[in-house]
Amino acid sequence: MEEIMGFVTGNTNRQKLLEMLGSKGELETSRIAKNMHLAQPSVNRLVEELIEKELVVENESKCSLTELGTTIERKVQNL
């Protein structure tokens, strides 16, 4: 758990993405890019990193938090 927390908090964009999904729920990657003011390839890379760590799932271009992602997002909020 500490390793995943470090992975998320070590990059502000990862942290912002998790927080955004935690507050808004399911979002399309294009909407994430617009809200975060990032290029689409950057968002795609962030999403892939979070999918690899099993924090996010992507279904039909929409991303949402997994159960683990929700737990980590809440812990990050409490830092």
C-alpha atoms as a PDB file:
ATOM      1  CA  MET A   1       0.000   0.000   0.000  1.00  0.00           C
ATOM      2  CA  GLU A   2       2.831   2.422   0.848  1.00  0.00           C
ATOM      3  CA  GLU A   3       4.484   1.721  -2.504  1.00  0.00           C
ATOM      4  CA  ILE A   4       1.298   2.593  -4.389  1.00  0.00           C
ATOM      5  CA  MET A   5       0.805   5.717  -2.261  1.00  0.00           C
ATOM      6  CA  GLY A   6       4.346   6.794  -3.171  1.00  0.00           C
ATOM      7  CA  PHE A   7       3.682   6.068  -6.834  1.00  0.00           C
ATOM      8  CA  VAL A   8       0.603   8.305  -6.808  1.00  0.00           C
ATOM      9  CA  THR A   9       1.931  11.138  -4.623  1.00  0.00           C
ATOM     10  CA  GLY A  10       5.246  11.169  -6.489  1.00  0.00           C
ATOM     11  CA  ASN A  11       3.532  12.706  -9.525  1.00  0.00           C
ATOM     12  CA  THR A  12       1.061  15.578  -9.172  1.00  0.00           C
ATOM     13  CA  ASN A  13      -0.742  14.660 -12.401  1.00  0.00           C
ATOM     14  CA  ARG A  14      -1.371  11.096 -11.191  1.00  0.00           C
ATOM     15  CA  GLN A  15      -2.670  12.506  -7.942  1.00  0.00           C
ATOM     16  CA  LYS A  16      -4.913  15.059  -9.713  1.00  0.00           C
ATOM     17  CA  LEU A  17      -6.277  12.394 -12.043  1.00  0.00           C
ATOM     18  CA  LEU A  18      -7.208  10.101  -9.163  1.00  0.00           C
ATOM     19  CA  GLU A  19      -8.812  12.985  -7.280  1.00  0.00           C
ATOM     20  CA  MET A  20     -10.777  14.011 -10.366  1.00  0.00           C
ATOM     21  CA  LEU A  21     -12.116  10.497 -10.898  1.00  0.00           C
ATOM     22  CA  GLY A  22     -12.886  10.267  -7.186  1.00  0.00           C
ATOM     23  CA  SER A  23     -14.983  13.415  -7.240  1.00  0.00           C
ATOM     24  CA  LYS A  24     -16.563  13.197 -10.717  1.00  0.00           C
ATOM     25  CA  GLY A  25     -16.779   9.442 -11.208  1.00  0.00           C
ATOM     26  CA  GLU A  26     -16.476   8.035 -14.715  1.00  0.00           C
ATOM     27  CA  LEU A  27     -14.870  10.366 -17.283  1.00  0.00           C
ATOM     28  CA  GLU A  28     -13.731  10.116 -20.882  1.00  0.00           C
ATOM     29  CA  THR A  29     -10.010  10.598 -21.442  1.00  0.00           C
ATOM     30  CA  SER A  30     -10.738  13.604 -23.678  1.00  0.00           C
ATOM     31  CA  ARG A  31     -12.618  15.270 -20.805  1.00  0.00           C
ATOM     32  CA  ILE A  32      -9.758  14.478 -18.414  1.00  0.00           C
ATOM     33  CA  ALA A  33      -7.274  16.066 -20.835  1.00  0.00           C
ATOM     34  CA  LYS A  34      -9.403  19.195 -21.101  1.00  0.00           C
ATOM     35  CA  ASN A  35      -9.970  19.507 -17.325  1.00  0.00           C
ATOM     36  CA  MET A  36      -6.292  18.945 -16.523  1.00  0.00           C
ATOM     37  CA  HIS A  37      -5.032  21.139 -19.383  1.00  0.00           C
ATOM     38  CA  LEU A  38      -2.876  18.283 -20.687  1.00  0.00           C
ATOM     39  CA  ALA A  39      -2.312  16.864 -24.152  1.00  0.00           C
ATOM     40  CA  GLN A  40      -4.233  13.689 -24.948  1.00  0.00           C
ATOM     41  CA  PRO A  41      -1.063  11.528 -25.236  1.00  0.00           C
ATOM     42  CA  SER A  42      -0.013  12.633 -21.738  1.00  0.00           C
ATOM     43  CA  VAL A  43      -3.394  11.661 -20.308  1.00  0.00           C
ATOM     44  CA  ASN A  44      -3.291   8.333 -22.134  1.00  0.00           C
ATOM     45  CA  ARG A  45       0.104   7.621 -20.571  1.00  0.00           C
ATOM     46  CA  LEU A  46      -1.153   8.562 -17.088  1.00  0.00           C
ATOM     47  CA  VAL A  47      -4.205   6.349 -17.493  1.00  0.00           C
ATOM     48  CA  GLU A  48      -2.070   3.423 -18.662  1.00  0.00           C
ATOM     49  CA  GLU A  49       0.223   3.820 -15.629  1.00  0.00           C
ATOM     50  CA  LEU A  50      -2.783   3.815 -13.294  1.00  0.00           C
ATOM     51  CA  ILE A  51      -4.329   0.820 -15.070  1.00  0.00           C
ATOM     52  CA  GLU A  52      -1.051  -1.109 -14.622  1.00  0.00           C
ATOM     53  CA  LYS A  53      -1.217  -0.434 -10.872  1.00  0.00           C
ATOM     54  CA  GLU A  54      -4.897  -1.528 -10.878  1.00  0.00           C
ATOM     55  CA  LEU A  55      -6.080   1.883  -9.671  1.00  0.00           C
ATOM     56  CA  VAL A  56      -8.147   2.720 -12.765  1.00  0.00           C
ATOM     57  CA  VAL A  57     -10.175   0.764 -15.313  1.00  0.00           C
ATOM     58  CA  GLU A  58     -11.012   1.970 -18.795  1.00  0.00           C
ATOM     59  CA  ASN A  59     -14.194   0.898 -20.535  1.00  0.00           C
ATOM     60  CA  GLU A  60     -15.201   2.341 -23.919  1.00  0.00           C
ATOM     61  CA  SER A  61     -12.845   5.344 -23.509  1.00  0.00           C
ATOM     62  CA  LYS A  62     -14.269   6.097 -20.067  1.00  0.00           C
ATOM     63  CA  CYS A  63     -12.088   5.798 -16.978  1.00  0.00           C
ATOM     64  CA  SER A  64     -13.163   5.098 -13.438  1.00  0.00           C
ATOM     65  CA  LEU A  65     -11.508   4.141 -10.175  1.00  0.00           C
ATOM     66  CA  THR A  66     -11.210   0.543  -9.078  1.00  0.00           C
ATOM     67  CA  GLU A  67     -11.899  -0.396  -5.477  1.00  0.00           C
ATOM     68  CA  LEU A  68      -8.164  -0.070  -4.777  1.00  0.00           C
ATOM     69  CA  GLY A  69      -8.106   3.247  -6.631  1.00  0.00           C
ATOM     70  CA  THR A  70     -10.931   4.558  -4.462  1.00  0.00           C
ATOM     71  CA  THR A  71      -9.090   3.493  -1.308  1.00  0.00           C
ATOM     72  CA  ILE A  72      -5.851   5.158  -2.439  1.00  0.00           C
ATOM     73  CA  GLU A  73      -7.678   8.308  -3.560  1.00  0.00           C
ATOM     74  CA  ARG A  74      -9.248   8.656  -0.083  1.00  0.00           C
ATOM     75  CA  LYS A  75      -5.884   8.160   1.606  1.00  0.00           C
ATOM     76  CA  VAL A  76      -4.291  10.789  -0.648  1.00  0.00           C
ATOM     77  CA  GLN A  77      -7.101  13.221   0.191  1.00  0.00           C
ATOM     78  CA  ASN A  78      -6.314  12.799   3.892  1.00  0.00           C
ATOM     79  CA  LEU A  79      -2.615  13.673   3.530  1.00  0.00           C
END
